[in-house]
């Protein structure tokens, strides 16, 4: 398929319907307080292992990250994003001009929109496949080596 279903929000070019209250629901939702639901909590841990910590950070006012709120909303309500297998977005914020971004070429993509098209057809055959979300999650949240973790601890102890 040229596209897949995902619980993991990606704000690099998304749209919603004007008659939906999605963004209002997300802003007014206190997701962290809903994590007492064991079934929901287990589902979140399987799909996005660090989401619990990020929701706590939002609750405590340490970060303001709408993308994590949207991921929570999608998982909780069994909703999905439709994502293309190839990016159609040039994320220009990672040249240090974007919000919450530094300089990083990991997200650079070259594309020609005239040559890349996705035809979405609702034939009922598209089903959620967790392996796509796992690949996406691991790309954006790579596991750190023990050496890397140790260096980070030392930097905090000895600034």
N, C-alpha and C. Protein backbone atom coordinates (compact mmCIF):
# COMPACT_ATOMS: atom_id res chain seq x y z
N UNK A 1 0.82 -1.21 0.00
CA UNK A 1 0.00 0.00 0.00
C UNK A 1 0.86 1.26 0.00
N UNK A 2 0.32 2.32 -0.51
CA UNK A 2 1.00 3.61 -0.50
C UNK A 2 0.77 4.35 0.82
N UNK A 3 -0.08 3.85 1.66
CA UNK A 3 -0.42 4.53 2.91
C UNK A 3 -0.79 3.48 3.96
N UNK A 4 -0.82 3.92 5.21
CA UNK A 4 -1.13 3.01 6.30
C UNK A 4 -1.84 3.76 7.43
N UNK A 5 -2.45 3.01 8.33
CA UNK A 5 -3.11 3.58 9.50
C UNK A 5 -2.11 3.65 10.64
N UNK A 6 -2.18 4.73 11.42
CA UNK A 6 -1.24 4.92 12.51
C UNK A 6 -1.90 5.62 13.69
N UNK A 7 -1.50 5.21 14.89
CA UNK A 7 -1.88 5.92 16.11
C UNK A 7 -0.94 7.10 16.37
N UNK A 8 0.23 7.09 15.75
CA UNK A 8 1.28 8.05 16.07
C UNK A 8 1.15 9.30 15.20
N UNK A 9 0.82 10.39 15.85
CA UNK A 9 0.61 11.66 15.18
C UNK A 9 1.91 12.21 14.61
N UNK A 10 1.80 12.82 13.46
CA UNK A 10 2.94 13.49 12.84
C UNK A 10 2.42 14.82 12.32
N UNK A 11 2.85 15.89 12.93
CA UNK A 11 2.34 17.21 12.60
C UNK A 11 2.95 17.86 11.38
N UNK A 12 3.73 17.13 10.60
CA UNK A 12 4.38 17.71 9.44
C UNK A 12 3.44 17.77 8.24
N UNK A 13 2.31 18.26 8.44
CA UNK A 13 1.35 18.36 7.35
C UNK A 13 0.16 17.48 7.63
N UNK A 14 -0.77 17.98 8.39
CA UNK A 14 -1.96 17.20 8.68
C UNK A 14 -3.18 18.08 8.49
N UNK A 15 -4.30 17.44 8.38
CA UNK A 15 -5.56 18.18 8.22
C UNK A 15 -6.64 17.45 9.00
N UNK A 16 -7.66 18.19 9.35
CA UNK A 16 -8.84 17.61 9.98
C UNK A 16 -10.05 18.31 9.39
N UNK A 17 -11.19 17.77 9.61
CA UNK A 17 -12.41 18.35 9.07
C UNK A 17 -12.82 19.55 9.91
N UNK A 18 -13.33 20.58 9.25
CA UNK A 18 -13.73 21.81 9.92
C UNK A 18 -14.87 21.65 10.90
N UNK A 19 -15.71 20.64 10.69
CA UNK A 19 -16.85 20.46 11.59
C UNK A 19 -16.52 19.57 12.78
N UNK A 20 -15.27 19.16 12.92
CA UNK A 20 -14.87 18.31 14.04
C UNK A 20 -14.30 19.18 15.15
N UNK A 21 -14.44 18.71 16.36
CA UNK A 21 -13.95 19.45 17.51
C UNK A 21 -12.65 18.82 18.03
N UNK A 22 -11.91 18.17 17.17
CA UNK A 22 -10.72 17.44 17.57
C UNK A 22 -9.77 18.30 18.39
N UNK A 23 -9.37 19.45 17.87
CA UNK A 23 -8.37 20.26 18.56
C UNK A 23 -8.90 20.81 19.87
N UNK A 24 -10.19 21.13 19.94
CA UNK A 24 -10.78 21.60 21.20
C UNK A 24 -10.78 20.48 22.22
N UNK A 25 -11.17 19.28 21.79
CA UNK A 25 -11.18 18.13 22.70
C UNK A 25 -9.77 17.85 23.23
N UNK A 26 -8.79 17.95 22.37
CA UNK A 26 -7.42 17.65 22.77
C UNK A 26 -6.92 18.68 23.77
N UNK A 27 -7.17 19.95 23.54
CA UNK A 27 -6.70 20.99 24.45
C UNK A 27 -7.39 20.92 25.81
N UNK A 28 -8.65 20.50 25.84
CA UNK A 28 -9.39 20.46 27.10
C UNK A 28 -9.27 19.12 27.81
N UNK A 29 -8.52 18.20 27.24
CA UNK A 29 -8.39 16.87 27.80
C UNK A 29 -7.22 16.83 28.79
N UNK A 30 -7.45 16.32 29.97
CA UNK A 30 -6.38 16.16 30.94
C UNK A 30 -5.93 14.70 30.90
N UNK A 31 -5.18 14.37 29.89
CA UNK A 31 -4.82 12.99 29.58
C UNK A 31 -4.12 12.29 30.74
N UNK A 32 -3.22 12.97 31.42
CA UNK A 32 -2.42 12.31 32.46
C UNK A 32 -3.31 11.73 33.56
N UNK A 33 -4.38 12.43 33.90
CA UNK A 33 -5.26 11.94 34.96
C UNK A 33 -6.09 10.73 34.52
N UNK A 34 -6.14 10.46 33.23
CA UNK A 34 -6.89 9.31 32.74
C UNK A 34 -6.06 8.03 32.68
N UNK A 35 -4.80 8.11 33.05
CA UNK A 35 -3.92 6.95 32.94
C UNK A 35 -4.11 5.93 34.06
N UNK A 36 -5.10 6.15 34.93
CA UNK A 36 -5.43 5.15 35.94
C UNK A 36 -6.11 3.94 35.32
N UNK A 37 -6.63 4.09 34.13
CA UNK A 37 -7.29 3.00 33.41
C UNK A 37 -6.20 2.01 32.97
N UNK A 38 -6.16 0.84 33.60
CA UNK A 38 -5.09 -0.13 33.38
C UNK A 38 -5.05 -0.59 31.92
N UNK A 39 -6.21 -0.86 31.35
CA UNK A 39 -6.26 -1.34 29.96
C UNK A 39 -5.70 -0.27 29.00
N UNK A 40 -6.11 0.98 29.20
CA UNK A 40 -5.62 2.08 28.38
C UNK A 40 -4.13 2.27 28.57
N UNK A 41 -3.68 2.22 29.82
CA UNK A 41 -2.26 2.40 30.12
C UNK A 41 -1.42 1.33 29.44
N UNK A 42 -1.87 0.07 29.48
CA UNK A 42 -1.13 -1.01 28.82
C UNK A 42 -1.08 -0.81 27.31
N UNK A 43 -2.18 -0.36 26.74
CA UNK A 43 -2.22 -0.11 25.30
C UNK A 43 -1.23 0.99 24.92
N UNK A 44 -1.19 2.04 25.73
CA UNK A 44 -0.26 3.15 25.48
C UNK A 44 1.18 2.66 25.56
N UNK A 45 1.50 1.85 26.56
CA UNK A 45 2.87 1.35 26.72
C UNK A 45 3.31 0.52 25.51
N UNK A 46 2.38 -0.21 24.90
CA UNK A 46 2.72 -1.01 23.73
C UNK A 46 2.97 -0.14 22.50
N UNK A 47 2.19 0.91 22.36
CA UNK A 47 2.27 1.73 21.14
C UNK A 47 3.30 2.84 21.25
N UNK A 48 3.36 3.50 22.40
CA UNK A 48 4.25 4.66 22.59
C UNK A 48 4.81 4.62 24.02
N UNK A 49 5.88 3.85 24.25
CA UNK A 49 6.39 3.63 25.61
C UNK A 49 6.74 4.89 26.41
N UNK A 50 7.07 5.99 25.76
CA UNK A 50 7.44 7.20 26.52
C UNK A 50 6.28 8.19 26.67
N UNK A 51 5.11 7.85 26.15
CA UNK A 51 3.98 8.79 26.19
C UNK A 51 3.56 9.11 27.62
N UNK A 52 3.56 8.12 28.50
CA UNK A 52 3.16 8.34 29.89
C UNK A 52 4.00 9.46 30.52
N UNK A 53 5.32 9.38 30.33
CA UNK A 53 6.21 10.40 30.89
C UNK A 53 5.93 11.77 30.27
N UNK A 54 5.72 11.81 28.98
CA UNK A 54 5.45 13.09 28.31
C UNK A 54 4.13 13.70 28.77
N UNK A 55 3.11 12.88 28.98
CA UNK A 55 1.83 13.39 29.49
C UNK A 55 1.99 13.94 30.90
N UNK A 56 2.84 13.29 31.69
CA UNK A 56 3.12 13.79 33.04
C UNK A 56 3.82 15.15 32.95
N UNK A 57 4.78 15.28 32.03
CA UNK A 57 5.48 16.55 31.84
C UNK A 57 4.51 17.66 31.43
N UNK A 58 3.54 17.33 30.58
CA UNK A 58 2.52 18.31 30.18
C UNK A 58 1.68 18.70 31.39
N UNK A 59 1.24 17.71 32.15
CA UNK A 59 0.41 17.94 33.34
C UNK A 59 1.12 18.84 34.34
N UNK A 60 2.44 18.64 34.49
CA UNK A 60 3.23 19.43 35.45
C UNK A 60 3.68 20.77 34.87
N UNK A 61 3.32 21.05 33.62
CA UNK A 61 3.67 22.32 33.01
C UNK A 61 5.10 22.41 32.52
N UNK A 62 5.81 21.29 32.44
CA UNK A 62 7.20 21.29 32.00
C UNK A 62 7.32 21.44 30.49
N UNK A 63 6.35 20.92 29.76
CA UNK A 63 6.35 21.04 28.30
C UNK A 63 4.93 21.35 27.82
N UNK A 64 4.83 21.90 26.63
CA UNK A 64 3.55 22.12 25.98
C UNK A 64 3.65 21.48 24.62
N UNK A 65 3.18 20.25 24.51
CA UNK A 65 3.38 19.47 23.29
C UNK A 65 2.06 18.88 22.82
N UNK A 66 1.44 19.57 21.88
CA UNK A 66 0.16 19.11 21.36
C UNK A 66 0.24 17.77 20.67
N UNK A 67 1.40 17.43 20.10
CA UNK A 67 1.51 16.15 19.40
C UNK A 67 1.29 14.98 20.35
N UNK A 68 1.81 15.07 21.57
CA UNK A 68 1.60 14.00 22.54
C UNK A 68 0.13 13.92 22.96
N UNK A 69 -0.52 15.06 23.07
CA UNK A 69 -1.94 15.07 23.41
C UNK A 69 -2.76 14.39 22.31
N UNK A 70 -2.37 14.63 21.07
CA UNK A 70 -3.09 14.02 19.95
C UNK A 70 -2.86 12.52 19.91
N UNK A 71 -1.63 12.07 20.17
CA UNK A 71 -1.35 10.63 20.21
C UNK A 71 -2.22 9.97 21.28
N UNK A 72 -2.30 10.60 22.45
CA UNK A 72 -3.14 10.06 23.52
C UNK A 72 -4.59 9.96 23.05
N UNK A 73 -5.09 11.02 22.45
CA UNK A 73 -6.48 11.04 21.96
C UNK A 73 -6.72 9.91 20.97
N UNK A 74 -5.80 9.73 20.03
CA UNK A 74 -5.95 8.70 19.01
C UNK A 74 -5.98 7.31 19.64
N UNK A 75 -5.03 7.04 20.54
CA UNK A 75 -4.97 5.72 21.18
C UNK A 75 -6.21 5.47 22.02
N UNK A 76 -6.57 6.44 22.85
CA UNK A 76 -7.72 6.29 23.75
C UNK A 76 -9.01 6.02 22.98
N UNK A 77 -9.20 6.72 21.88
CA UNK A 77 -10.46 6.65 21.14
C UNK A 77 -10.42 5.71 19.93
N UNK A 78 -9.36 4.91 19.83
CA UNK A 78 -9.20 3.99 18.70
C UNK A 78 -9.38 4.70 17.36
N UNK A 79 -8.73 5.85 17.24
CA UNK A 79 -8.74 6.63 16.00
C UNK A 79 -7.37 6.50 15.35
N UNK A 80 -7.31 6.75 14.07
CA UNK A 80 -6.05 6.62 13.34
C UNK A 80 -5.79 7.83 12.47
N UNK A 81 -4.53 7.99 12.14
CA UNK A 81 -4.11 8.90 11.08
C UNK A 81 -3.90 8.03 9.84
N UNK A 82 -4.10 8.60 8.69
CA UNK A 82 -3.73 7.93 7.45
C UNK A 82 -2.42 8.57 7.02
N UNK A 83 -1.37 7.76 6.92
CA UNK A 83 -0.04 8.28 6.58
C UNK A 83 0.45 7.66 5.28
N UNK A 84 1.07 8.47 4.44
CA UNK A 84 1.71 7.90 3.24
C UNK A 84 3.01 7.22 3.64
N UNK A 85 3.41 6.22 2.87
CA UNK A 85 4.67 5.53 3.14
C UNK A 85 5.89 6.38 2.82
N UNK A 86 5.71 7.41 2.00
CA UNK A 86 6.79 8.36 1.69
C UNK A 86 6.32 9.74 2.09
N UNK A 87 7.22 10.51 2.64
CA UNK A 87 6.87 11.86 3.08
C UNK A 87 6.63 12.78 1.89
N UNK A 88 5.60 13.60 2.00
CA UNK A 88 5.30 14.61 1.00
C UNK A 88 5.58 16.00 1.57
N UNK A 89 6.24 16.05 2.70
CA UNK A 89 6.44 17.30 3.42
C UNK A 89 7.92 17.58 3.55
N UNK A 90 8.30 18.82 3.31
CA UNK A 90 9.67 19.23 3.55
C UNK A 90 9.68 19.93 4.91
N UNK A 91 10.22 19.26 5.91
CA UNK A 91 10.24 19.82 7.26
C UNK A 91 11.42 20.77 7.36
N UNK A 92 11.15 22.05 7.22
CA UNK A 92 12.22 23.05 7.16
C UNK A 92 12.61 23.57 8.54
N UNK A 93 11.92 23.17 9.59
CA UNK A 93 12.20 23.71 10.92
C UNK A 93 13.47 23.21 11.57
N UNK A 94 14.05 22.14 11.04
CA UNK A 94 15.24 21.57 11.67
C UNK A 94 16.53 22.24 11.21
N UNK A 95 16.43 23.47 10.75
CA UNK A 95 17.61 24.28 10.46
C UNK A 95 17.82 25.26 11.62
N UNK A 96 17.20 24.97 12.75
CA UNK A 96 17.23 25.76 13.99
C UNK A 96 16.23 26.91 13.97
N UNK A 97 15.35 26.94 12.95
CA UNK A 97 14.34 28.00 12.90
C UNK A 97 13.00 27.55 13.46
N UNK A 98 12.83 26.25 13.68
CA UNK A 98 11.55 25.72 14.13
C UNK A 98 11.40 25.72 15.64
N UNK A 99 10.16 25.59 16.07
CA UNK A 99 9.86 25.51 17.50
C UNK A 99 10.28 24.14 18.01
N UNK A 100 10.95 24.08 19.13
CA UNK A 100 11.43 22.84 19.75
C UNK A 100 12.40 22.08 18.84
N UNK A 101 13.08 22.75 17.94
CA UNK A 101 13.97 22.09 16.99
C UNK A 101 15.37 22.67 17.09
N UNK A 102 16.34 21.84 16.88
CA UNK A 102 17.70 22.30 16.73
C UNK A 102 18.10 22.11 15.28
N UNK A 103 19.38 21.90 15.07
CA UNK A 103 19.86 21.62 13.72
C UNK A 103 19.97 20.11 13.59
N UNK A 104 19.28 19.55 12.60
CA UNK A 104 19.27 18.11 12.43
C UNK A 104 18.89 17.80 10.98
N UNK A 105 19.72 17.00 10.32
CA UNK A 105 19.43 16.62 8.93
C UNK A 105 18.70 15.28 8.84
N UNK A 106 18.42 14.66 9.98
CA UNK A 106 17.75 13.35 9.99
C UNK A 106 16.39 13.40 9.29
N UNK A 107 15.74 14.54 9.34
CA UNK A 107 14.38 14.64 8.82
C UNK A 107 14.31 15.30 7.45
N UNK A 108 15.44 15.49 6.80
CA UNK A 108 15.46 16.12 5.48
C UNK A 108 14.94 15.13 4.44
N UNK A 109 14.06 15.61 3.59
CA UNK A 109 13.56 14.75 2.52
C UNK A 109 13.51 15.55 1.23
N UNK A 110 13.85 14.89 0.16
CA UNK A 110 13.77 15.49 -1.16
C UNK A 110 12.58 14.85 -1.87
N UNK A 111 11.75 15.64 -2.47
CA UNK A 111 10.60 15.08 -3.16
C UNK A 111 10.15 15.99 -4.28
N UNK A 112 9.46 15.40 -5.20
CA UNK A 112 8.85 16.13 -6.30
C UNK A 112 7.37 15.78 -6.26
N UNK A 113 6.56 16.69 -5.77
CA UNK A 113 5.14 16.42 -5.56
C UNK A 113 4.42 16.05 -6.85
N UNK A 114 4.91 16.53 -7.98
CA UNK A 114 4.26 16.19 -9.25
C UNK A 114 4.47 14.72 -9.62
N UNK A 115 5.52 14.12 -9.10
CA UNK A 115 5.81 12.73 -9.43
C UNK A 115 5.32 11.77 -8.37
N UNK A 116 4.98 12.27 -7.19
CA UNK A 116 4.53 11.41 -6.10
C UNK A 116 3.08 11.71 -5.76
N UNK A 117 2.25 10.76 -5.99
CA UNK A 117 0.82 10.92 -5.69
C UNK A 117 0.36 9.70 -4.90
N UNK A 118 -0.57 9.92 -4.01
CA UNK A 118 -1.18 8.82 -3.27
C UNK A 118 -2.67 8.84 -3.59
N UNK A 119 -3.16 7.74 -4.06
CA UNK A 119 -4.58 7.61 -4.35
C UNK A 119 -5.22 6.80 -3.23
N UNK A 120 -6.00 7.46 -2.40
CA UNK A 120 -6.64 6.78 -1.28
C UNK A 120 -7.98 6.23 -1.75
N UNK A 121 -8.11 4.93 -1.64
CA UNK A 121 -9.35 4.26 -2.03
C UNK A 121 -9.90 3.53 -0.82
N UNK A 122 -11.16 3.72 -0.55
CA UNK A 122 -11.79 3.06 0.59
C UNK A 122 -12.42 1.75 0.12
N UNK A 123 -11.58 0.72 0.05
CA UNK A 123 -12.11 -0.59 -0.33
C UNK A 123 -12.31 -1.48 0.90
N UNK A 124 -12.09 -0.90 2.09
CA UNK A 124 -12.28 -1.63 3.33
C UNK A 124 -11.16 -2.58 3.67
N UNK A 125 -10.12 -2.64 2.85
CA UNK A 125 -9.05 -3.61 3.06
C UNK A 125 -7.94 -3.09 3.98
N UNK A 126 -7.88 -1.81 4.22
CA UNK A 126 -6.81 -1.25 5.03
C UNK A 126 -7.07 -1.52 6.51
N UNK A 127 -6.11 -2.18 7.16
CA UNK A 127 -6.22 -2.49 8.58
C UNK A 127 -4.97 -1.99 9.29
N UNK A 128 -5.11 -1.74 10.58
CA UNK A 128 -3.98 -1.28 11.38
C UNK A 128 -2.95 -2.38 11.49
N UNK A 129 -1.69 -2.03 11.28
CA UNK A 129 -0.56 -2.95 11.41
C UNK A 129 0.43 -2.30 12.37
N UNK A 130 0.55 -2.83 13.57
CA UNK A 130 1.39 -2.24 14.61
C UNK A 130 2.86 -2.15 14.20
N UNK A 131 3.30 -2.97 13.27
CA UNK A 131 4.72 -2.95 12.88
C UNK A 131 5.10 -1.61 12.24
N UNK A 132 4.16 -0.95 11.55
CA UNK A 132 4.46 0.36 10.97
C UNK A 132 4.68 1.39 12.08
N UNK A 133 3.82 1.38 13.09
CA UNK A 133 3.99 2.32 14.20
C UNK A 133 5.28 2.03 14.97
N UNK A 134 5.63 0.76 15.11
CA UNK A 134 6.86 0.40 15.81
C UNK A 134 8.08 0.95 15.06
N UNK A 135 8.09 0.81 13.74
CA UNK A 135 9.20 1.36 12.95
C UNK A 135 9.27 2.88 13.08
N UNK A 136 8.12 3.53 13.00
CA UNK A 136 8.05 4.98 13.13
C UNK A 136 8.54 5.42 14.51
N UNK A 137 8.06 4.75 15.56
CA UNK A 137 8.45 5.08 16.93
C UNK A 137 9.96 4.91 17.11
N UNK A 138 10.49 3.79 16.68
CA UNK A 138 11.92 3.52 16.87
C UNK A 138 12.80 4.50 16.10
N UNK A 139 12.33 5.00 14.97
CA UNK A 139 13.09 5.99 14.21
C UNK A 139 13.20 7.30 14.98
N UNK A 140 12.10 7.72 15.57
CA UNK A 140 12.08 9.00 16.27
C UNK A 140 12.50 8.89 17.74
N UNK A 141 12.54 7.68 18.28
CA UNK A 141 12.93 7.47 19.67
C UNK A 141 13.95 6.33 19.73
N UNK A 142 15.13 6.51 19.13
CA UNK A 142 16.11 5.42 19.13
C UNK A 142 16.58 5.12 20.55
N UNK A 143 16.86 3.85 20.79
CA UNK A 143 17.36 3.46 22.10
C UNK A 143 18.78 3.97 22.25
N UNK A 144 19.05 4.55 23.42
CA UNK A 144 20.37 5.11 23.67
C UNK A 144 21.28 4.04 24.27
N UNK A 145 22.54 4.08 23.89
CA UNK A 145 23.51 3.13 24.43
C UNK A 145 23.83 3.49 25.88
N UNK A 146 24.41 2.56 26.59
CA UNK A 146 24.81 2.81 27.98
C UNK A 146 25.83 3.94 28.02
N UNK A 147 26.73 3.99 27.05
CA UNK A 147 27.73 5.05 27.00
C UNK A 147 27.05 6.41 26.85
N UNK A 148 26.10 6.49 25.94
CA UNK A 148 25.38 7.75 25.72
C UNK A 148 24.63 8.18 26.97
N UNK A 149 23.98 7.24 27.65
CA UNK A 149 23.26 7.56 28.89
C UNK A 149 24.24 8.05 29.96
N UNK A 150 25.40 7.40 30.04
CA UNK A 150 26.41 7.79 31.04
C UNK A 150 26.93 9.19 30.78
N UNK A 151 27.18 9.51 29.52
CA UNK A 151 27.66 10.85 29.16
C UNK A 151 26.61 11.89 29.54
N UNK A 152 25.34 11.63 29.28
CA UNK A 152 24.28 12.57 29.64
C UNK A 152 24.21 12.79 31.15
N UNK A 153 24.38 11.73 31.92
CA UNK A 153 24.37 11.86 33.39
C UNK A 153 25.54 12.71 33.84
N UNK A 154 26.72 12.45 33.28
CA UNK A 154 27.90 13.23 33.65
C UNK A 154 27.75 14.70 33.28
N UNK A 155 27.13 14.98 32.15
CA UNK A 155 26.90 16.37 31.75
C UNK A 155 25.97 17.09 32.72
N UNK A 156 25.01 16.36 33.27
CA UNK A 156 24.10 16.96 34.24
C UNK A 156 24.80 17.19 35.58
N UNK A 157 25.67 16.25 35.94
CA UNK A 157 26.38 16.37 37.22
C UNK A 157 27.48 17.42 37.17
N UNK A 158 28.14 17.53 36.02
CA UNK A 158 29.26 18.46 35.87
C UNK A 158 29.03 19.36 34.65
N UNK A 159 28.17 20.37 34.79
CA UNK A 159 27.86 21.23 33.63
C UNK A 159 29.03 22.06 33.15
